[in-house]
């Protein structure tokens, strides 16, 4: 991958959404909510509190989605990250 976010931004890879509910109902893709957890893949130079491969939780409906080398990524501003797991 040849991408580095600028400033206080972070490139993340979303974790897979659950395909089954707790009661065993299988969800179709259109019924799944996008997960709010992700793994950090690249960090801007102004980001201090994160490192590559950290698992994070971020605010819902935030970031910019794009595809790079056939993989869907999300770029988040550091202020939209809630915490590290």
Protein backbone atom coordinates (compact mmCIF):
# COMPACT_ATOMS: atom_id res chain seq x y z
CA UNK A 1 0.00 0.00 0.00
CA UNK A 2 1.33 3.39 -0.95
CA UNK A 3 -0.78 5.86 1.05
CA UNK A 4 0.01 8.17 3.97
CA UNK A 5 -2.70 10.37 5.47
CA UNK A 6 -1.85 14.02 6.01
CA UNK A 7 -2.04 15.99 9.25
CA UNK A 8 -4.20 14.56 12.00
CA UNK A 9 -5.77 11.82 9.89
CA UNK A 10 -5.66 8.04 10.18
CA UNK A 11 -6.18 5.35 7.52
CA UNK A 12 -8.18 2.41 8.91
CA UNK A 13 -9.59 -0.89 7.72
CA UNK A 14 -13.07 -1.58 9.09
CA UNK A 15 -13.64 -4.87 10.83
CA UNK A 16 -16.21 -7.20 9.29
CA UNK A 17 -19.85 -6.71 10.30
CA UNK A 18 -21.64 -9.52 12.08
CA UNK A 19 -23.53 -11.74 9.64
CA UNK A 20 -25.80 -13.25 12.28
CA UNK A 21 -27.76 -11.76 15.19
CA UNK A 22 -27.41 -13.01 18.77
CA UNK A 23 -30.61 -15.02 18.29
CA UNK A 24 -29.25 -16.71 15.15
CA UNK A 25 -30.98 -14.72 12.41
CA UNK A 26 -28.76 -14.40 9.33
CA UNK A 27 -28.50 -10.83 8.04
CA UNK A 28 -28.32 -9.91 4.37
CA UNK A 29 -25.70 -7.31 3.39
CA UNK A 30 -28.26 -4.50 3.05
CA UNK A 31 -29.49 -5.06 6.65
CA UNK A 32 -26.05 -4.96 8.26
CA UNK A 33 -24.86 -1.84 10.03
CA UNK A 34 -21.34 -0.80 9.23
CA UNK A 35 -19.12 -1.54 12.22
CA UNK A 36 -17.64 1.30 14.26
CA UNK A 37 -14.45 -0.64 14.94
CA UNK A 38 -11.38 -0.72 12.73
CA UNK A 39 -7.67 -1.47 12.59
CA UNK A 40 -5.18 1.37 12.01
CA UNK A 41 -3.15 0.89 8.82
CA UNK A 42 -1.42 4.28 8.37
CA UNK A 43 -1.01 7.42 10.47
CA UNK A 44 -0.49 11.10 9.63
CA UNK A 45 2.60 12.83 11.00
CA UNK A 46 0.63 14.90 13.54
CA UNK A 47 -0.98 11.86 15.23
CA UNK A 48 0.72 10.92 18.50
CA UNK A 49 -1.57 8.56 20.45
CA UNK A 50 -1.99 5.75 17.88
CA UNK A 51 0.22 3.18 16.22
CA UNK A 52 -0.18 0.77 13.30
CA UNK A 53 -2.43 -2.26 14.07
CA UNK A 54 -4.24 -0.56 17.00
CA UNK A 55 -7.93 -1.51 17.17
CA UNK A 56 -10.06 1.62 17.50
CA UNK A 57 -13.68 2.67 17.99
CA UNK A 58 -14.87 5.71 16.05
CA UNK A 59 -17.98 7.87 15.79
CA UNK A 60 -20.71 6.58 13.50
CA UNK A 61 -21.10 8.13 10.01
CA UNK A 62 -17.62 9.70 10.04
CA UNK A 63 -14.68 9.53 7.66
CA UNK A 64 -14.09 9.28 3.95
CA UNK A 65 -14.36 5.87 2.30
CA UNK A 66 -12.27 4.91 -0.70
CA UNK A 67 -10.83 1.84 -2.41
CA UNK A 68 -7.09 1.29 -2.77
CA UNK A 69 -5.68 -1.81 -4.47
CA UNK A 70 -9.13 -3.43 -4.31
CA UNK A 71 -9.52 -2.95 -0.53
CA UNK A 72 -12.06 -0.58 1.05
CA UNK A 73 -10.47 1.82 3.55
CA UNK A 74 -11.68 4.71 5.67
CA UNK A 75 -9.78 7.93 6.44
CA UNK A 76 -10.73 9.47 9.80
CA UNK A 77 -9.83 12.73 11.48
CA UNK A 78 -8.25 11.98 14.86
CA UNK A 79 -11.07 13.85 16.68
CA UNK A 80 -13.61 11.29 15.44
CA UNK A 81 -11.78 8.39 17.11
CA UNK A 82 -13.36 7.58 20.48
CA UNK A 83 -10.73 5.21 21.86
CA UNK A 84 -8.32 2.32 21.47
CA UNK A 85 -9.21 -1.27 22.42
